[in-house]
Every structure is written in C-alpha cells, then in structure tokens.
C-alpha cells in the first residue's frame, strides 16, 4: 500500500473510531482524526500517532451542519492533497423508544446517523471527481439492522436503518468515482450503564462464539472493504450476535449476576 493514501474517520477521537483510525495508520494511511465535541481527545489522538511516526492531523466539524460537512472534506483535501477512504463512523446514541422519543432526538439522530454520511459521501465524490481520482467509503452501521430489531434506542436505530439499507444504492449512484461498502458490528465496547462485569458477561452470552467482534476486528474489516475488489458489500461482523433474535438490547438483556 502506498504511504500516500489518506483516510478520514469521523468520530475517531475515542472508542472504536480511534481504534479504526490507528489500524489504518499502521497499515500505511495518513489519517484525519475527526471530532465535534471531543476536540481535545482528537488532538490527543493525532499527537499520539504523530509521536509514533504516523502522519495524522485533527479536524473538527459539526455533522449536523451541511456547510461544515462540505468544509471538512475540503479541509482534508487541502491539507493532505487527496482523500482515498472515508469511514462514516460518527453516531449519536441514547436510550429512547417509540412511545416517548422526542422530535429533537429524532432530528439529531437522523442528521448525524444518516444524513451526514450521505452528505459526506457526496462531498467526497465531488472533490474526487474534480481531481480525477477514485476512492472508497465504508459506513459503520449496526447488526440489528439486519433483521434483529428490538424496541431500544429507537431514534438511533431509525438513522442506522436508513443508512444500512443504502449501501447498494449509494454504490450504484457514486460509481465509478467511489466504492461504497458497510460494516455491521454488534456489541464491541461497554455502553450506556454497563459495568465492566456486565460487558464481559454480555460478551459471552450475546453471540455464538462467546466473544465479541471488537474494534480491532471491525477495523480489519474496514481495511479489507477499502480494497478495490469490494463495492456494494454489507459485512456483518459480530461473532454471530445477529443470529440470536432478541427483544431487548443485549446491554440490558445480559447483566452480570449480582451477589
């Protein structure tokens, strides 16, 4: 892989996004760290990669704002001279359900979890086409979208469901400039009110393998889908979590036994 390649991972200041970013850096990409509210963490992540000998720079942008989305892509192109891979990882996530969700929560989840990836992809497409180059996009979705729905996290799931069903349409629409693929992870890291004990218990109980497919596994899948052979591909990577139907999110369903 050419060391000239550049990747932008949205929401990459911490958690899974940061691990995806670090994996790409270790595999030859120059990387753009993105954050909105976690700007200090983004700077820390970029500095850590720089100190390790990688080319990284932090960028900020509110993905609810269409103008800032366009500016983010333009800034990455301006600094690095190119962009080869966009990973739409950023998302907002909270507990709500159909009965009590707020319009504000729905609008925000839709803007960040679905509209932003579409607008980022279009901005990337426009810049790449103008430069006469091609690239790849990998959308980070959620395994529940593949027929394992439950009532939790309603507004989050609405946006993810829309995005997760757009892979093929986006691949057709953006060709031949961009290749569009998606990963559908399951439980990766402790979330919401999970304790470490709850997470380890759920990691064992929630899938067929007794282990989660963690951020490192998802990062490896992202790198694979960035290669030229893949377009319009949906990749569920969850240790078989999707094959176990649930009526409740596993972070609530599987709690460590209390003494």
Protein backbone atom coordinates (compact mmCIF):
# COMPACT_ATOMS: atom_id res chain seq x y z
CA UNK A 1 0.00 0.00 0.00
CA UNK A 2 1.21 3.45 -0.91
CA UNK A 3 2.07 5.61 2.07
CA UNK A 4 0.40 8.47 0.21
CA UNK A 5 -3.12 7.16 0.88
CA UNK A 6 -5.32 9.23 3.18
CA UNK A 7 -8.24 8.16 5.37
CA UNK A 8 -10.80 10.26 7.21
CA UNK A 9 -12.63 8.53 10.06
CA UNK A 10 -15.48 10.53 11.54
CA UNK A 11 -15.92 10.33 15.28
CA UNK A 12 -12.40 8.99 15.68
CA UNK A 13 -11.23 10.79 18.81
CA UNK A 14 -12.04 7.83 21.06
CA UNK A 15 -13.58 4.39 21.40
CA UNK A 16 -13.99 2.26 18.26
CA UNK A 17 -13.40 5.14 15.87
CA UNK A 18 -9.97 5.76 17.31
CA UNK A 19 -9.03 2.09 17.01
CA UNK A 20 -10.16 2.03 13.37
CA UNK A 21 -8.08 5.14 12.74
CA UNK A 22 -4.99 3.66 14.41
CA UNK A 23 -5.32 0.43 12.43
CA UNK A 24 -5.45 2.37 9.17
CA UNK A 25 -2.40 4.42 10.18
CA UNK A 26 -0.47 1.24 10.96
CA UNK A 27 -1.40 -0.06 7.52
CA UNK A 28 0.01 2.85 5.56
CA UNK A 29 -2.67 5.53 5.61
CA UNK A 30 -2.15 9.13 6.55
CA UNK A 31 -5.12 9.84 8.76
CA UNK A 32 -7.54 12.65 9.51
CA UNK A 33 -8.93 12.49 13.04
CA UNK A 34 -12.41 13.98 13.28
CA UNK A 35 -14.41 15.13 16.28
CA UNK A 36 -17.06 17.66 17.15
CA UNK A 37 -17.45 17.88 20.92
CA UNK A 38 -14.36 15.73 21.68
CA UNK A 39 -11.82 18.12 20.17
CA UNK A 40 -9.26 17.73 22.96
CA UNK A 41 -9.38 13.95 22.57
CA UNK A 42 -8.96 14.34 18.80
CA UNK A 43 -5.83 16.45 19.28
CA UNK A 44 -4.52 13.87 21.75
CA UNK A 45 -5.16 11.05 19.31
CA UNK A 46 -3.42 12.91 16.47
CA UNK A 47 -0.41 13.75 18.66
CA UNK A 48 -0.09 10.15 19.82
CA UNK A 49 0.01 8.97 16.22
CA UNK A 50 2.50 11.68 15.27
CA UNK A 51 4.78 10.67 18.13
CA UNK A 52 4.58 7.09 16.90
CA UNK A 53 5.81 8.22 13.47
CA UNK A 54 2.50 8.42 11.60
CA UNK A 55 1.07 11.33 9.62
CA UNK A 56 -2.09 12.47 11.42
CA UNK A 57 -3.99 15.70 11.92
CA UNK A 58 -7.13 16.57 13.89
CA UNK A 59 -10.13 18.22 12.23
CA UNK A 60 -13.38 19.43 13.77
CA UNK A 61 -16.86 19.73 12.39
CA UNK A 62 -20.49 19.53 13.45
CA UNK A 63 -22.02 16.79 11.32
CA UNK A 64 -25.49 18.26 11.84
CA UNK A 65 -24.40 21.23 9.72
CA UNK A 66 -24.26 20.66 5.95
CA UNK A 67 -21.85 23.57 5.40
CA UNK A 68 -19.41 22.19 7.99
CA UNK A 69 -19.59 18.77 6.33
CA UNK A 70 -18.54 20.25 2.99
CA UNK A 71 -15.81 22.25 4.71
CA UNK A 72 -14.46 19.16 6.49
CA UNK A 73 -13.96 17.28 3.22
CA UNK A 74 -12.42 20.35 1.58
CA UNK A 75 -10.07 20.85 4.53
CA UNK A 76 -8.86 17.25 4.36
CA UNK A 77 -8.21 17.57 0.62
CA UNK A 78 -6.47 20.92 1.17
CA UNK A 79 -4.15 19.59 3.87
CA UNK A 80 -3.29 16.15 2.52
CA UNK A 81 -3.81 16.81 -1.18
CA UNK A 82 -6.12 13.82 -1.51
CA UNK A 83 -8.60 11.54 0.23
CA UNK A 84 -8.81 7.83 -0.51
CA UNK A 85 -11.01 6.42 2.22
CA UNK A 86 -13.92 7.87 4.18
CA UNK A 87 -15.14 5.89 7.18
CA UNK A 88 -18.52 7.14 8.35
CA UNK A 89 -18.20 6.06 11.97
CA UNK A 90 -19.63 9.00 13.95
CA UNK A 91 -23.03 8.43 15.56
CA UNK A 92 -25.23 9.66 18.38
CA UNK A 93 -26.70 7.04 20.69
CA UNK A 94 -29.11 7.18 23.62
CA UNK A 95 -31.92 5.19 25.11
CA UNK A 96 -35.43 6.01 23.97
CA UNK A 97 -38.36 4.15 22.43
CA UNK A 98 -41.22 4.75 20.05
CA UNK A 99 -43.64 5.76 22.78
CA UNK A 100 -41.55 8.53 24.33
CA UNK A 101 -38.97 9.71 21.78
CA UNK A 102 -38.67 13.46 21.25
CA UNK A 103 -38.72 15.19 17.88
CA UNK A 104 -35.44 16.87 18.79
CA UNK A 105 -33.80 13.48 19.42
CA UNK A 106 -35.17 12.10 16.16
CA UNK A 107 -33.92 15.08 14.18
CA UNK A 108 -30.46 14.93 15.74
CA UNK A 109 -30.10 11.17 15.31
CA UNK A 110 -31.27 11.41 11.71
CA UNK A 111 -28.88 14.26 10.97
CA UNK A 112 -25.80 12.54 12.38
CA UNK A 113 -26.52 8.85 11.80
CA UNK A 114 -27.90 9.00 8.27
CA UNK A 115 -27.90 12.43 6.62
CA UNK A 116 -24.28 13.21 7.50
CA UNK A 117 -22.83 10.03 5.91
CA UNK A 118 -24.79 10.78 2.74
CA UNK A 119 -23.60 14.40 2.61
CA UNK A 120 -20.02 13.43 3.44
CA UNK A 121 -20.07 10.85 0.67
CA UNK A 122 -21.42 13.38 -1.82
CA UNK A 123 -18.81 15.97 -0.84
CA UNK A 124 -16.08 13.31 -1.16
CA UNK A 125 -17.49 12.27 -4.55
CA UNK A 126 -17.49 15.86 -5.82
CA UNK A 127 -13.90 16.52 -4.75
CA UNK A 128 -12.63 13.18 -6.06
CA UNK A 129 -14.40 13.61 -9.40
CA UNK A 130 -12.99 17.11 -9.79
CA UNK A 131 -9.50 15.76 -9.09
CA UNK A 132 -9.95 12.84 -11.49
CA UNK A 133 -9.38 10.20 -8.77
CA UNK A 134 -11.34 7.41 -7.14
CA UNK A 135 -11.88 6.37 -3.55
CA UNK A 136 -13.81 4.23 -1.10
CA UNK A 137 -16.40 4.76 1.63
CA UNK A 138 -17.16 2.38 4.48
CA UNK A 139 -20.26 3.09 6.55
CA UNK A 140 -20.35 1.78 10.11
CA UNK A 141 -23.90 0.64 10.80
CA UNK A 142 -25.25 -1.90 13.36
CA UNK A 143 -26.03 -5.61 13.20
CA UNK A 144 -29.60 -5.05 14.42
CA UNK A 145 -30.43 -3.52 11.04
CA UNK A 146 -30.02 -6.97 9.54
CA UNK A 147 -33.35 -8.24 10.84
CA UNK A 148 -32.66 -8.31 14.58
CA UNK A 149 -34.68 -5.31 15.72
CA UNK A 150 -35.87 -4.54 19.22
CA UNK A 151 -37.51 -1.52 20.85
CA UNK A 152 -34.43 0.07 22.46
CA UNK A 153 -32.57 3.13 21.11
CA UNK A 154 -35.39 3.99 18.72
CA UNK A 155 -34.15 7.27 17.22
CA UNK A 156 -30.57 5.98 16.89
CA UNK A 157 -31.88 2.91 15.08
CA UNK A 158 -34.05 4.89 12.66
CA UNK A 159 -30.98 6.63 11.23
CA UNK A 160 -28.87 3.48 11.19
CA UNK A 161 -31.64 1.52 9.47
CA UNK A 162 -31.84 4.03 6.67
CA UNK A 163 -28.07 4.14 6.24
CA UNK A 164 -27.76 0.36 6.38
CA UNK A 165 -30.21 -0.05 3.53
CA UNK A 166 -28.46 2.43 1.25
CA UNK A 167 -25.21 0.56 0.55
CA UNK A 168 -26.18 -0.76 -2.86
CA UNK A 169 -27.97 2.40 -3.95
CA UNK A 170 -25.00 4.55 -2.96
CA UNK A 171 -22.61 2.15 -4.70
CA UNK A 172 -24.61 2.42 -7.92
CA UNK A 173 -25.03 6.18 -7.61
CA UNK A 174 -21.40 7.01 -6.77
CA UNK A 175 -19.77 4.70 -9.32
CA UNK A 176 -17.27 4.81 -10.85
CA UNK A 177 -15.78 7.53 -8.66
CA UNK A 178 -16.43 5.92 -5.26
CA UNK A 179 -16.88 2.37 -4.00
CA UNK A 180 -19.39 2.13 -1.13
CA UNK A 181 -19.42 -0.66 1.46
CA UNK A 182 -20.69 -1.09 5.02
CA UNK A 183 -19.83 -2.95 8.20
CA UNK A 184 -22.50 -4.02 10.69
CA UNK A 185 -20.90 -4.57 14.10
CA UNK A 186 -22.55 -5.86 17.24
CA UNK A 187 -21.54 -5.26 20.84
CA UNK A 188 -17.95 -4.00 20.82
CA UNK A 189 -17.34 -1.94 23.97
CA UNK A 190 -19.15 -1.16 27.23
CA UNK A 191 -22.12 1.11 26.55
CA UNK A 192 -24.73 3.08 28.45
CA UNK A 193 -24.94 1.84 32.04
CA UNK A 194 -22.94 -1.37 31.55
CA UNK A 195 -20.28 -2.10 34.14
CA UNK A 196 -17.14 -3.94 33.07
CA UNK A 197 -18.63 -7.08 34.61
CA UNK A 198 -21.87 -6.55 32.64
CA UNK A 199 -19.92 -6.10 29.42
CA UNK A 200 -17.86 -9.26 29.86
CA UNK A 201 -20.99 -11.22 30.75
CA UNK A 202 -22.84 -9.89 27.69
CA UNK A 203 -19.80 -10.53 25.51
CA UNK A 204 -20.07 -14.21 26.40
CA UNK A 205 -23.86 -14.53 26.30
CA UNK A 206 -24.90 -12.38 23.34
CA UNK A 207 -23.33 -14.24 20.41
CA UNK A 208 -22.49 -17.70 19.13
CA UNK A 209 -18.76 -17.58 19.80
CA UNK A 210 -18.62 -16.39 23.40
CA UNK A 211 -16.56 -13.34 22.44
CA UNK A 212 -17.36 -10.02 20.86
CA UNK A 213 -16.08 -8.91 17.50
CA UNK A 214 -14.28 -5.88 18.90
CA UNK A 215 -12.99 -2.66 17.38
CA UNK A 216 -9.84 -4.40 16.11
CA UNK A 217 -11.97 -6.90 14.20
CA UNK A 218 -14.11 -4.15 12.73
CA UNK A 219 -11.00 -2.15 11.80
CA UNK A 220 -9.64 -5.15 9.91
CA UNK A 221 -12.94 -5.43 8.05
CA UNK A 222 -12.84 -1.72 7.15
CA UNK A 223 -9.35 -2.13 5.73
CA UNK A 224 -10.48 -5.13 3.70
CA UNK A 225 -13.52 -3.32 2.29
CA UNK A 226 -11.34 -0.37 1.29
CA UNK A 227 -9.58 -2.56 -1.27
CA UNK A 228 -10.58 -2.36 -4.96
CA UNK A 229 -12.46 -5.67 -5.14
CA UNK A 230 -15.39 -4.58 -2.95
CA UNK A 231 -18.37 -2.44 -3.89
CA UNK A 232 -21.92 -2.56 -2.58
CA UNK A 233 -20.93 -5.05 0.13
CA UNK A 234 -22.64 -5.38 3.52
CA UNK A 235 -20.37 -7.10 6.05
CA UNK A 236 -21.88 -8.26 9.34
CA UNK A 237 -19.06 -8.68 11.85
CA UNK A 238 -20.48 -9.58 15.25
CA UNK A 239 -19.39 -13.13 16.24
CA UNK A 240 -22.86 -14.36 15.32
CA UNK A 241 -24.81 -11.94 17.53
CA UNK A 242 -27.20 -11.26 14.67
CA UNK A 243 -28.17 -14.96 14.58
CA UNK A 244 -29.67 -14.80 18.07
CA UNK A 245 -33.03 -12.94 17.97
CA UNK A 246 -33.62 -10.61 20.92
CA UNK A 247 -36.48 -8.44 22.15
CA UNK A 248 -34.17 -6.12 24.09
CA UNK A 249 -30.69 -4.70 23.52
CA UNK A 250 -28.06 -7.08 24.83
CA UNK A 251 -26.54 -4.35 27.02
CA UNK A 252 -29.71 -4.55 29.13
CA UNK A 253 -30.66 -8.18 28.48
CA UNK A 254 -27.40 -9.70 29.72
CA UNK A 255 -26.38 -8.27 33.10
CA UNK A 256 -23.72 -9.89 35.23
CA UNK A 257 -25.23 -11.88 38.13
CA UNK A 258 -25.28 -9.81 41.29
CA UNK A 259 -24.14 -11.32 44.61
